[in-house]
């Protein structure tokens, strides 16, 4: 883990070194920094992503597949809740 103000510098250093980057939030301090990081990754053909782990959940992956295939049709509204199931432990 690194302090938020260093995310840009560390990400750019890794990209310049040819490494893919998964950056924890906040991805950057502002839009300019984010654009610089994205541009650097694109220029090098490297993977760069904010580390939102829910992106890789099987249900989320399947939903993206269904949406892309058109089987669901045009989505006009999506409402979602994010929670964890926990057992009461006083």
C-alpha atoms as a PDB file:
ATOM      1  CA  UNK A   1       0.000   0.000   0.000  1.00  0.00           C
ATOM      2  CA  UNK A   2       1.184   3.468  -0.819  1.00  0.00           C
ATOM      3  CA  UNK A   3      -0.136   6.910   0.140  1.00  0.00           C
ATOM      4  CA  UNK A   4      -2.806   8.226  -2.229  1.00  0.00           C
ATOM      5  CA  UNK A   5      -0.634  11.071  -3.597  1.00  0.00           C
ATOM      6  CA  UNK A   6       1.918   8.492  -4.812  1.00  0.00           C
ATOM      7  CA  UNK A   7      -0.470   6.284  -6.805  1.00  0.00           C
ATOM      8  CA  UNK A   8       0.233   8.203 -10.035  1.00  0.00           C
ATOM      9  CA  UNK A   9       4.018   8.166  -9.667  1.00  0.00           C
ATOM     10  CA  UNK A  10       4.188   4.502  -8.686  1.00  0.00           C
ATOM     11  CA  UNK A  11       1.770   3.466 -11.421  1.00  0.00           C
ATOM     12  CA  UNK A  12       3.738   5.343 -14.082  1.00  0.00           C
ATOM     13  CA  UNK A  13       6.996   3.819 -12.838  1.00  0.00           C
ATOM     14  CA  UNK A  14       5.554   0.308 -13.067  1.00  0.00           C
ATOM     15  CA  UNK A  15       4.142   0.945 -16.530  1.00  0.00           C
ATOM     16  CA  UNK A  16       7.457   2.380 -17.697  1.00  0.00           C
ATOM     17  CA  UNK A  17       9.038  -0.825 -16.407  1.00  0.00           C
ATOM     18  CA  UNK A  18       6.699  -2.889 -18.578  1.00  0.00           C
ATOM     19  CA  UNK A  19       4.477  -4.115 -15.747  1.00  0.00           C
ATOM     20  CA  UNK A  20       0.694  -4.407 -15.689  1.00  0.00           C
ATOM     21  CA  UNK A  21      -0.894  -2.449 -12.827  1.00  0.00           C
ATOM     22  CA  UNK A  22      -3.862  -3.037 -10.556  1.00  0.00           C
ATOM     23  CA  UNK A  23      -4.153   0.210  -8.571  1.00  0.00           C
ATOM     24  CA  UNK A  24      -6.156   0.415  -5.367  1.00  0.00           C
ATOM     25  CA  UNK A  25      -8.566   3.295  -4.902  1.00  0.00           C
ATOM     26  CA  UNK A  26      -8.389   6.119  -5.174  1.00  0.00           C
ATOM     27  CA  UNK A  27      -7.048   5.427  -8.638  1.00  0.00           C
ATOM     28  CA  UNK A  28      -5.715   8.978  -8.906  1.00  0.00           C
ATOM     29  CA  UNK A  29      -6.125  12.307  -7.155  1.00  0.00           C
ATOM     30  CA  UNK A  30      -7.807  13.959 -10.142  1.00  0.00           C
ATOM     31  CA  UNK A  31      -8.888  13.403 -13.749  1.00  0.00           C
ATOM     32  CA  UNK A  32      -5.621  14.742 -15.165  1.00  0.00           C
ATOM     33  CA  UNK A  33      -3.571  12.173 -13.251  1.00  0.00           C
ATOM     34  CA  UNK A  34      -5.956   9.380 -14.214  1.00  0.00           C
ATOM     35  CA  UNK A  35      -5.736  10.341 -17.894  1.00  0.00           C
ATOM     36  CA  UNK A  36      -1.945  10.367 -17.713  1.00  0.00           C
ATOM     37  CA  UNK A  37      -1.910   6.882 -16.205  1.00  0.00           C
ATOM     38  CA  UNK A  38      -4.387   5.537 -18.755  1.00  0.00           C
ATOM     39  CA  UNK A  39      -2.512   7.118 -21.669  1.00  0.00           C
ATOM     40  CA  UNK A  40       0.739   5.563 -20.468  1.00  0.00           C
ATOM     41  CA  UNK A  41      -0.813   2.093 -20.219  1.00  0.00           C
ATOM     42  CA  UNK A  42      -2.432   2.373 -23.651  1.00  0.00           C
ATOM     43  CA  UNK A  43       0.790   3.584 -25.261  1.00  0.00           C
ATOM     44  CA  UNK A  44       2.573   0.513 -23.912  1.00  0.00           C
ATOM     45  CA  UNK A  45      -0.256  -1.960 -24.461  1.00  0.00           C
ATOM     46  CA  UNK A  46      -0.330  -2.788 -20.746  1.00  0.00           C
ATOM     47  CA  UNK A  47      -3.196  -3.712 -18.436  1.00  0.00           C
ATOM     48  CA  UNK A  48      -4.220  -0.971 -16.000  1.00  0.00           C
ATOM     49  CA  UNK A  49      -7.252  -1.096 -13.751  1.00  0.00           C
ATOM     50  CA  UNK A  50      -8.599   0.312 -10.522  1.00  0.00           C
ATOM     51  CA  UNK A  51      -8.732  -2.612  -8.113  1.00  0.00           C
ATOM     52  CA  UNK A  52     -12.495  -2.970  -7.815  1.00  0.00           C
ATOM     53  CA  UNK A  53     -12.621  -6.673  -6.992  1.00  0.00           C
ATOM     54  CA  UNK A  54     -16.358  -6.990  -7.661  1.00  0.00           C
ATOM     55  CA  UNK A  55     -15.614  -6.642 -11.382  1.00  0.00           C
ATOM     56  CA  UNK A  56     -14.436 -10.263 -11.374  1.00  0.00           C
ATOM     57  CA  UNK A  57     -17.299 -11.820  -9.405  1.00  0.00           C
ATOM     58  CA  UNK A  58     -18.897 -14.663 -11.403  1.00  0.00           C
ATOM     59  CA  UNK A  59     -22.358 -13.060 -11.235  1.00  0.00           C
ATOM     60  CA  UNK A  60     -21.026  -9.750 -12.546  1.00  0.00           C
ATOM     61  CA  UNK A  61     -19.106 -11.493 -15.323  1.00  0.00           C
ATOM     62  CA  UNK A  62     -22.223 -13.434 -16.339  1.00  0.00           C
ATOM     63  CA  UNK A  63     -24.339 -10.286 -16.329  1.00  0.00           C
ATOM     64  CA  UNK A  64     -21.863  -8.577 -18.661  1.00  0.00           C
ATOM     65  CA  UNK A  65     -22.040 -11.593 -20.990  1.00  0.00           C
ATOM     66  CA  UNK A  66     -25.844 -11.525 -21.030  1.00  0.00           C
ATOM     67  CA  UNK A  67     -25.916  -7.799 -21.689  1.00  0.00           C
ATOM     68  CA  UNK A  68     -23.374  -8.085 -24.506  1.00  0.00           C
ATOM     69  CA  UNK A  69     -25.292 -10.940 -26.160  1.00  0.00           C
ATOM     70  CA  UNK A  70     -28.509  -8.924 -26.219  1.00  0.00           C
ATOM     71  CA  UNK A  71     -30.502 -11.793 -24.699  1.00  0.00           C
ATOM     72  CA  UNK A  72     -31.837  -9.479 -21.990  1.00  0.00           C
ATOM     73  CA  UNK A  73     -32.714  -6.736 -24.446  1.00  0.00           C
ATOM     74  CA  UNK A  74     -32.216  -3.024 -23.969  1.00  0.00           C
ATOM     75  CA  UNK A  75     -31.561  -2.174 -20.340  1.00  0.00           C
ATOM     76  CA  UNK A  76     -33.448   0.917 -19.274  1.00  0.00           C
ATOM     77  CA  UNK A  77     -32.891   0.770 -15.537  1.00  0.00           C
ATOM     78  CA  UNK A  78     -30.669  -1.183 -13.205  1.00  0.00           C
ATOM     79  CA  UNK A  79     -30.953  -1.119  -9.438  1.00  0.00           C
ATOM     80  CA  UNK A  80     -28.445  -3.003  -7.370  1.00  0.00           C
ATOM     81  CA  UNK A  81     -27.609  -3.459  -3.718  1.00  0.00           C
ATOM     82  CA  UNK A  82     -24.182  -4.384  -2.480  1.00  0.00           C
ATOM     83  CA  UNK A  83     -23.954  -6.233   0.807  1.00  0.00           C
ATOM     84  CA  UNK A  84     -22.292  -9.074   2.621  1.00  0.00           C
ATOM     85  CA  UNK A  85     -23.974 -11.978   4.316  1.00  0.00           C
ATOM     86  CA  UNK A  86     -22.695 -12.259   7.851  1.00  0.00           C
ATOM     87  CA  UNK A  87     -23.679 -14.411  10.773  1.00  0.00           C
ATOM     88  CA  UNK A  88     -24.566 -12.633  13.986  1.00  0.00           C
ATOM     89  CA  UNK A  89     -21.661 -12.917  16.395  1.00  0.00           C
ATOM     90  CA  UNK A  90     -22.233 -10.862  19.567  1.00  0.00           C
END
